[in-house]
Amino acid sequence: MEFLLQLLSDLHPDVDFVINHKLIDDGLLDSFDIVSLVGEINDHFKIEITADDLLPDNFNSVEAMLTLIKRLQTEGD
């Protein structure tokens, strides 16, 4: 979680990613941010986020992103 929070804070230091649960819906993250996140997450967690995973619900909160990461790690085992 720490890596993900740091990554998000690097993108938008003014956003509290712990309390915000509508990052996409409220326009706090845009498509360019998602592209950046996907690359970093894939590399760090050794997973592959595919186009099918690029749904707003998967990136609307830190918890949603962690759920996606855990699911993809489990599928990769």
PDB file of N, CA and C in Angstrom:
ATOM      1  N   MET A   1       0.823  -1.193   0.000  1.00  0.00           N
ATOM      2  CA  MET A   1       0.000   0.000   0.000  1.00  0.00           C
ATOM      3  C   MET A   1       0.866   1.255   0.000  1.00  0.00           C
ATOM      4  N   GLU A   2       1.981   1.172   0.712  1.00  0.00           N
ATOM      5  CA  GLU A   2       2.863   2.344   0.802  1.00  0.00           C
ATOM      6  C   GLU A   2       3.371   2.766  -0.577  1.00  0.00           C
ATOM      7  N   PHE A   3       3.770   1.779  -1.391  1.00  0.00           N
ATOM      8  CA  PHE A   3       4.263   2.082  -2.737  1.00  0.00           C
ATOM      9  C   PHE A   3       3.179   2.770  -3.544  1.00  0.00           C
ATOM     10  N   LEU A   4       1.981   2.254  -3.485  1.00  0.00           N
ATOM     11  CA  LEU A   4       0.867   2.816  -4.247  1.00  0.00           C
ATOM     12  C   LEU A   4       0.546   4.236  -3.791  1.00  0.00           C
ATOM     13  N   LEU A   5       0.514   4.468  -2.504  1.00  0.00           N
ATOM     14  CA  LEU A   5       0.254   5.819  -1.984  1.00  0.00           C
ATOM     15  C   LEU A   5       1.356   6.795  -2.404  1.00  0.00           C
ATOM     16  N   GLN A   6       2.598   6.342  -2.385  1.00  0.00           N
ATOM     17  CA  GLN A   6       3.700   7.199  -2.809  1.00  0.00           C
ATOM     18  C   GLN A   6       3.594   7.517  -4.295  1.00  0.00           C
ATOM     19  N   LEU A   7       3.268   6.528  -5.079  1.00  0.00           N
ATOM     20  CA  LEU A   7       3.105   6.708  -6.517  1.00  0.00           C
ATOM     21  C   LEU A   7       2.007   7.726  -6.820  1.00  0.00           C
ATOM     22  N   LEU A   8       0.895   7.591  -6.144  1.00  0.00           N
ATOM     23  CA  LEU A   8      -0.222   8.527  -6.332  1.00  0.00           C
ATOM     24  C   LEU A   8       0.148   9.926  -5.850  1.00  0.00           C
ATOM     25  N   SER A   9       0.822  10.006  -4.725  1.00  0.00           N
ATOM     26  CA  SER A   9       1.241  11.307  -4.193  1.00  0.00           C
ATOM     27  C   SER A   9       2.229  12.005  -5.116  1.00  0.00           C
ATOM     28  N   ASP A  10       3.060  11.229  -5.782  1.00  0.00           N
ATOM     29  CA  ASP A  10       3.984  11.817  -6.754  1.00  0.00           C
ATOM     30  C   ASP A  10       3.223  12.441  -7.923  1.00  0.00           C
ATOM     31  N   LEU A  11       2.102  11.819  -8.303  1.00  0.00           N
ATOM     32  CA  LEU A  11       1.288  12.355  -9.401  1.00  0.00           C
ATOM     33  C   LEU A  11       0.530  13.613  -8.987  1.00  0.00           C
ATOM     34  N   HIS A  12      -0.065  13.554  -7.790  1.00  0.00           N
ATOM     35  CA  HIS A  12      -0.902  14.662  -7.301  1.00  0.00           C
ATOM     36  C   HIS A  12      -0.679  14.852  -5.804  1.00  0.00           C
ATOM     37  N   PRO A  13       0.351  15.608  -5.428  1.00  0.00           N
ATOM     38  CA  PRO A  13       0.661  15.774  -4.000  1.00  0.00           C
ATOM     39  C   PRO A  13      -0.436  16.470  -3.201  1.00  0.00           C
ATOM     40  N   ASP A  14      -1.344  17.156  -3.868  1.00  0.00           N
ATOM     41  CA  ASP A  14      -2.393  17.909  -3.187  1.00  0.00           C
ATOM     42  C   ASP A  14      -3.632  17.068  -2.853  1.00  0.00           C
ATOM     43  N   VAL A  15      -3.676  15.813  -3.275  1.00  0.00           N
ATOM     44  CA  VAL A  15      -4.849  14.963  -3.065  1.00  0.00           C
ATOM     45  C   VAL A  15      -4.592  13.999  -1.912  1.00  0.00           C
ATOM     46  N   ASP A  16      -5.582  13.849  -1.035  1.00  0.00           N
ATOM     47  CA  ASP A  16      -5.508  12.861   0.038  1.00  0.00           C
ATOM     48  C   ASP A  16      -6.104  11.563  -0.498  1.00  0.00           C
ATOM     49  N   PHE A  17      -5.250  10.667  -0.904  1.00  0.00           N
ATOM     50  CA  PHE A  17      -5.694   9.433  -1.536  1.00  0.00           C
ATOM     51  C   PHE A  17      -6.252   8.426  -0.548  1.00  0.00           C
ATOM     52  N   VAL A  18      -6.035   8.641   0.730  1.00  0.00           N
ATOM     53  CA  VAL A  18      -6.568   7.728   1.741  1.00  0.00           C
ATOM     54  C   VAL A  18      -8.067   7.947   1.915  1.00  0.00           C
ATOM     55  N   ILE A  19      -8.515   9.179   1.877  1.00  0.00           N
ATOM     56  CA  ILE A  19      -9.936   9.454   2.131  1.00  0.00           C
ATOM     57  C   ILE A  19     -10.777   9.581   0.861  1.00  0.00           C
ATOM     58  N   ASN A  20     -10.154   9.815  -0.276  1.00  0.00           N
ATOM     59  CA  ASN A  20     -10.905   9.965  -1.519  1.00  0.00           C
ATOM     60  C   ASN A  20     -11.209   8.608  -2.134  1.00  0.00           C
ATOM     61  N   HIS A  21     -12.497   8.384  -2.399  1.00  0.00           N
ATOM     62  CA  HIS A  21     -12.937   7.106  -2.946  1.00  0.00           C
ATOM     63  C   HIS A  21     -13.620   7.261  -4.305  1.00  0.00           C
ATOM     64  N   LYS A  22     -13.442   8.414  -4.914  1.00  0.00           N
ATOM     65  CA  LYS A  22     -14.009   8.663  -6.244  1.00  0.00           C
ATOM     66  C   LYS A  22     -12.963   9.367  -7.094  1.00  0.00           C
ATOM     67  N   LEU A  23     -11.789   8.773  -7.165  1.00  0.00           N
ATOM     68  CA  LEU A  23     -10.666   9.408  -7.851  1.00  0.00           C
ATOM     69  C   LEU A  23     -10.947   9.646  -9.326  1.00  0.00           C
ATOM     70  N   ILE A  24     -11.587   8.696  -9.974  1.00  0.00           N
ATOM     71  CA  ILE A  24     -11.939   8.851 -11.389  1.00  0.00           C
ATOM     72  C   ILE A  24     -13.203   9.693 -11.506  1.00  0.00           C
ATOM     73  N   ASP A  25     -14.228   9.330 -10.747  1.00  0.00           N
ATOM     74  CA  ASP A  25     -15.524  10.017 -10.829  1.00  0.00           C
ATOM     75  C   ASP A  25     -15.401  11.510 -10.565  1.00  0.00           C
ATOM     76  N   ASP A  26     -14.528  11.895  -9.639  1.00  0.00           N
ATOM     77  CA  ASP A  26     -14.361  13.306  -9.290  1.00  0.00           C
ATOM     78  C   ASP A  26     -13.287  14.005 -10.121  1.00  0.00           C
ATOM     79  N   GLY A  27     -12.695  13.285 -11.080  1.00  0.00           N
ATOM     80  CA  GLY A  27     -11.698  13.885 -11.960  1.00  0.00           C
ATOM     81  C   GLY A  27     -10.342  14.118 -11.323  1.00  0.00           C
ATOM     82  N   LEU A  28     -10.069  13.438 -10.220  1.00  0.00           N
ATOM     83  CA  LEU A  28      -8.767  13.588  -9.555  1.00  0.00           C
ATOM     84  C   LEU A  28      -7.673  12.832 -10.297  1.00  0.00           C
ATOM     85  N   LEU A  29      -8.044  11.757 -10.992  1.00  0.00           N
ATOM     86  CA  LEU A  29      -7.130  11.020 -11.859  1.00  0.00           C
ATOM     87  C   LEU A  29      -7.699  11.028 -13.269  1.00  0.00           C
ATOM     88  N   ASP A  30      -6.837  11.272 -14.246  1.00  0.00           N
ATOM     89  CA  ASP A  30      -7.287  11.251 -15.640  1.00  0.00           C
ATOM     90  C   ASP A  30      -6.605  10.099 -16.378  1.00  0.00           C
ATOM     91  N   SER A  31      -6.867  10.003 -17.658  1.00  0.00           N
ATOM     92  CA  SER A  31      -6.347   8.877 -18.433  1.00  0.00           C
ATOM     93  C   SER A  31      -4.823   8.857 -18.467  1.00  0.00           C
ATOM     94  N   PHE A  32      -4.189  10.018 -18.487  1.00  0.00           N
ATOM     95  CA  PHE A  32      -2.724  10.064 -18.469  1.00  0.00           C
ATOM     96  C   PHE A  32      -2.179   9.528 -17.150  1.00  0.00           C
ATOM     97  N   ASP A  33      -2.861   9.858 -16.049  1.00  0.00           N
ATOM     98  CA  ASP A  33      -2.464   9.342 -14.741  1.00  0.00           C
ATOM     99  C   ASP A  33      -2.584   7.820 -14.709  1.00  0.00           C
ATOM    100  N   ILE A  34      -3.664   7.308 -15.262  1.00  0.00           N
ATOM    101  CA  ILE A  34      -3.887   5.861 -15.258  1.00  0.00           C
ATOM    102  C   ILE A  34      -2.797   5.149 -16.051  1.00  0.00           C
ATOM    103  N   VAL A  35      -2.440   5.703 -17.199  1.00  0.00           N
ATOM    104  CA  VAL A  35      -1.369   5.104 -18.009  1.00  0.00           C
ATOM    105  C   VAL A  35      -0.071   5.052 -17.204  1.00  0.00           C
ATOM    106  N   SER A  36       0.246   6.133 -16.516  1.00  0.00           N
ATOM    107  CA  SER A  36       1.448   6.167 -15.664  1.00  0.00           C
ATOM    108  C   SER A  36       1.366   5.128 -14.558  1.00  0.00           C
ATOM    109  N   LEU A  37       0.228   5.083 -13.902  1.00  0.00           N
ATOM    110  CA  LEU A  37       0.041   4.143 -12.800  1.00  0.00           C
ATOM    111  C   LEU A  37       0.170   2.698 -13.265  1.00  0.00           C
ATOM    112  N   VAL A  38      -0.459   2.379 -14.378  1.00  0.00           N
ATOM    113  CA  VAL A  38      -0.454   1.004 -14.864  1.00  0.00           C
ATOM    114  C   VAL A  38       0.975   0.520 -15.109  1.00  0.00           C
ATOM    115  N   GLY A  39       1.775   1.326 -15.751  1.00  0.00           N
ATOM    116  CA  GLY A  39       3.163   0.941 -16.008  1.00  0.00           C
ATOM    117  C   GLY A  39       3.936   0.693 -14.729  1.00  0.00           C
ATOM    118  N   GLU A  40       3.821   1.613 -13.788  1.00  0.00           N
ATOM    119  CA  GLU A  40       4.537   1.478 -12.511  1.00  0.00           C
ATOM    120  C   GLU A  40       4.039   0.293 -11.691  1.00  0.00           C
ATOM    121  N   ILE A  41       2.716   0.120 -11.656  1.00  0.00           N
ATOM    122  CA  ILE A  41       2.133  -0.993 -10.901  1.00  0.00           C
ATOM    123  C   ILE A  41       2.555  -2.322 -11.518  1.00  0.00           C
ATOM    124  N   ASN A  42       2.476  -2.419 -12.840  1.00  0.00           N
ATOM    125  CA  ASN A  42       2.888  -3.654 -13.519  1.00  0.00           C
ATOM    126  C   ASN A  42       4.328  -4.011 -13.170  1.00  0.00           C
ATOM    127  N   ASP A  43       5.209  -3.029 -13.259  1.00  0.00           N
ATOM    128  CA  ASP A  43       6.629  -3.273 -12.983  1.00  0.00           C
ATOM    129  C   ASP A  43       6.875  -3.654 -11.529  1.00  0.00           C
ATOM    130  N   HIS A  44       6.302  -2.895 -10.624  1.00  0.00           N
ATOM    131  CA  HIS A  44       6.570  -3.108  -9.192  1.00  0.00           C
ATOM    132  C   HIS A  44       5.991  -4.424  -8.678  1.00  0.00           C
ATOM    133  N   PHE A  45       4.753  -4.712  -9.065  1.00  0.00           N
ATOM    134  CA  PHE A  45       4.067  -5.892  -8.527  1.00  0.00           C
ATOM    135  C   PHE A  45       4.189  -7.120  -9.424  1.00  0.00           C
ATOM    136  N   LYS A  46       4.903  -6.977 -10.550  1.00  0.00           N
ATOM    137  CA  LYS A  46       5.119  -8.107 -11.471  1.00  0.00           C
ATOM    138  C   LYS A  46       3.794  -8.712 -11.941  1.00  0.00           C
ATOM    139  N   ILE A  47       2.877  -7.834 -12.352  1.00  0.00           N
ATOM    140  CA  ILE A  47       1.576  -8.249 -12.874  1.00  0.00           C
ATOM    141  C   ILE A  47       1.375  -7.602 -14.228  1.00  0.00           C
ATOM    142  N   GLU A  48       0.265  -7.955 -14.883  1.00  0.00           N
ATOM    143  CA  GLU A  48      -0.076  -7.310 -16.144  1.00  0.00           C
ATOM    144  C   GLU A  48      -1.520  -6.846 -16.097  1.00  0.00           C
ATOM    145  N   ILE A  49      -1.690  -5.538 -16.001  1.00  0.00           N
ATOM    146  CA  ILE A  49      -3.013  -4.936 -16.073  1.00  0.00           C
ATOM    147  C   ILE A  49      -3.340  -4.812 -17.555  1.00  0.00           C
ATOM    148  N   THR A  50      -4.409  -5.471 -17.982  1.00  0.00           N
ATOM    149  CA  THR A  50      -4.783  -5.475 -19.393  1.00  0.00           C
ATOM    150  C   THR A  50      -5.867  -4.432 -19.659  1.00  0.00           C
ATOM    151  N   ALA A  51      -6.195  -4.280 -20.918  1.00  0.00           N
ATOM    152  CA  ALA A  51      -7.248  -3.336 -21.309  1.00  0.00           C
ATOM    153  C   ALA A  51      -8.571  -3.687 -20.631  1.00  0.00           C
ATOM    154  N   ASP A  52      -8.823  -4.977 -20.424  1.00  0.00           N
ATOM    155  CA  ASP A  52     -10.057  -5.408 -19.752  1.00  0.00           C
ATOM    156  C   ASP A  52     -10.130  -4.919 -18.306  1.00  0.00           C
ATOM    157  N   ASP A  53      -8.964  -4.657 -17.706  1.00  0.00           N
ATOM    158  CA  ASP A  53      -8.901  -4.202 -16.313  1.00  0.00           C
ATOM    159  C   ASP A  53      -9.019  -2.685 -16.185  1.00  0.00           C
ATOM    160  N   LEU A  54      -8.944  -1.985 -17.302  1.00  0.00           N
ATOM    161  CA  LEU A  54      -8.948  -0.517 -17.270  1.00  0.00           C
ATOM    162  C   LEU A  54     -10.364   0.031 -17.140  1.00  0.00           C
ATOM    163  N   LEU A  55     -10.978  -0.299 -16.032  1.00  0.00           N
ATOM    164  CA  LEU A  55     -12.322   0.161 -15.709  1.00  0.00           C
ATOM    165  C   LEU A  55     -12.234   1.191 -14.594  1.00  0.00           C
ATOM    166  N   PRO A  56     -13.066   2.212 -14.646  1.00  0.00           N
ATOM    167  CA  PRO A  56     -13.034   3.232 -13.583  1.00  0.00           C
ATOM    168  C   PRO A  56     -13.145   2.640 -12.177  1.00  0.00           C
ATOM    169  N   ASP A  57     -13.955   1.607 -12.014  1.00  0.00           N
ATOM    170  CA  ASP A  57     -14.129   1.002 -10.691  1.00  0.00           C
ATOM    171  C   ASP A  57     -12.821   0.443 -10.139  1.00  0.00           C
ATOM    172  N   ASN A  58     -11.913   0.031 -11.004  1.00  0.00           N
ATOM    173  CA  ASN A  58     -10.633  -0.523 -10.552  1.00  0.00           C
ATOM    174  C   ASN A  58      -9.635   0.542 -10.120  1.00  0.00           C
ATOM    175  N   PHE A  59      -9.925   1.815 -10.434  1.00  0.00           N
ATOM    176  CA  PHE A  59      -8.982   2.895 -10.126  1.00  0.00           C
ATOM    177  C   PHE A  59      -9.632   4.051  -9.361  1.00  0.00           C
ATOM    178  N   ASN A  60     -10.829   3.843  -8.855  1.00  0.00           N
ATOM    179  CA  ASN A  60     -11.553   4.911  -8.172  1.00  0.00           C
ATOM    180  C   ASN A  60     -11.047   5.171  -6.754  1.00  0.00           C
ATOM    181  N   SER A  61     -10.315   4.210  -6.194  1.00  0.00           N
ATOM    182  CA  SER A  61      -9.769   4.380  -4.846  1.00  0.00           C
ATOM    183  C   SER A  61      -8.520   3.525  -4.696  1.00  0.00           C
ATOM    184  N   VAL A  62      -7.761   3.813  -3.666  1.00  0.00           N
ATOM    185  CA  VAL A  62      -6.575   3.014  -3.364  1.00  0.00           C
ATOM    186  C   VAL A  62      -7.006   1.573  -3.079  1.00  0.00           C
ATOM    187  N   GLU A  63      -8.096   1.411  -2.349  1.00  0.00           N
ATOM    188  CA  GLU A  63      -8.577   0.071  -2.027  1.00  0.00           C
ATOM    189  C   GLU A  63      -8.925  -0.708  -3.290  1.00  0.00           C
ATOM    190  N   ALA A  64      -9.565  -0.047  -4.247  1.00  0.00           N
ATOM    191  CA  ALA A  64      -9.924  -0.711  -5.508  1.00  0.00           C
ATOM    192  C   ALA A  64      -8.671  -1.130  -6.271  1.00  0.00           C
ATOM    193  N   MET A  65      -7.665  -0.285  -6.272  1.00  0.00           N
ATOM    194  CA  MET A  65      -6.409  -0.619  -6.956  1.00  0.00           C
ATOM    195  C   MET A  65      -5.729  -1.800  -6.271  1.00  0.00           C
ATOM    196  N   LEU A  66      -5.723  -1.811  -4.949  1.00  0.00           N
ATOM    197  CA  LEU A  66      -5.120  -2.925  -4.217  1.00  0.00           C
ATOM    198  C   LEU A  66      -5.874  -4.225  -4.468  1.00  0.00           C
ATOM    199  N   THR A  67      -7.184  -4.150  -4.559  1.00  0.00           N
ATOM    200  CA  THR A  67      -7.989  -5.326  -4.871  1.00  0.00           C
ATOM    201  C   THR A  67      -7.629  -5.860  -6.254  1.00  0.00           C
ATOM    202  N   LEU A  68      -7.485  -4.965  -7.215  1.00  0.00           N
ATOM    203  CA  LEU A  68      -7.087  -5.356  -8.569  1.00  0.00           C
ATOM    204  C   LEU A  68      -5.711  -6.010  -8.546  1.00  0.00           C
ATOM    205  N   ILE A  69      -4.777  -5.407  -7.857  1.00  0.00           N
ATOM    206  CA  ILE A  69      -3.413  -5.943  -7.779  1.00  0.00           C
ATOM    207  C   ILE A  69      -3.428  -7.340  -7.163  1.00  0.00           C
ATOM    208  N   LYS A  70      -4.134  -7.506  -6.062  1.00  0.00           N
ATOM    209  CA  LYS A  70      -4.195  -8.818  -5.393  1.00  0.00           C
ATOM    210  C   LYS A  70      -4.835  -9.868  -6.291  1.00  0.00           C
ATOM    211  N   ARG A  71      -5.896  -9.480  -6.998  1.00  0.00           N
ATOM    212  CA  ARG A  71      -6.562 -10.416  -7.903  1.00  0.00           C
ATOM    213  C   ARG A  71      -5.608 -10.870  -9.000  1.00  0.00           C
ATOM    214  N   LEU A  72      -4.884  -9.908  -9.588  1.00  0.00           N
ATOM    215  CA  LEU A  72      -3.970 -10.249 -10.674  1.00  0.00           C
ATOM    216  C   LEU A  72      -2.781 -11.065 -10.165  1.00  0.00           C
ATOM    217  N   GLN A  73      -2.337 -10.803  -8.958  1.00  0.00           N
ATOM    218  CA  GLN A  73      -1.251 -11.611  -8.383  1.00  0.00           C
ATOM    219  C   GLN A  73      -1.714 -13.043  -8.162  1.00  0.00           C
ATOM    220  N   THR A  74      -2.927 -13.198  -7.704  1.00  0.00           N
ATOM    221  CA  THR A  74      -3.495 -14.530  -7.453  1.00  0.00           C
ATOM    222  C   THR A  74      -3.676 -15.280  -8.757  1.00  0.00           C
ATOM    223  N   GLU A  75      -4.152 -14.585  -9.789  1.00  0.00           N
ATOM    224  CA  GLU A  75      -4.348 -15.227 -11.087  1.00  0.00           C
ATOM    225  C   GLU A  75      -3.014 -15.632 -11.711  1.00  0.00           C
ATOM    226  N   GLY A  76      -1.962 -14.919 -11.376  1.00  0.00           N
ATOM    227  CA  GLY A  76      -0.652 -15.206 -11.931  1.00  0.00           C
ATOM    228  C   GLY A  76       0.044 -16.385 -11.284  1.00  0.00           C
ATOM    229  N   ASP A  77      -0.458 -16.797 -10.121  1.00  0.00           N
ATOM    230  CA  ASP A  77       0.173 -17.916  -9.402  1.00  0.00           C
ATOM    231  C   ASP A  77      -0.165 -19.246 -10.030  1.00  0.00           C
TER     232      ASP A  77
END
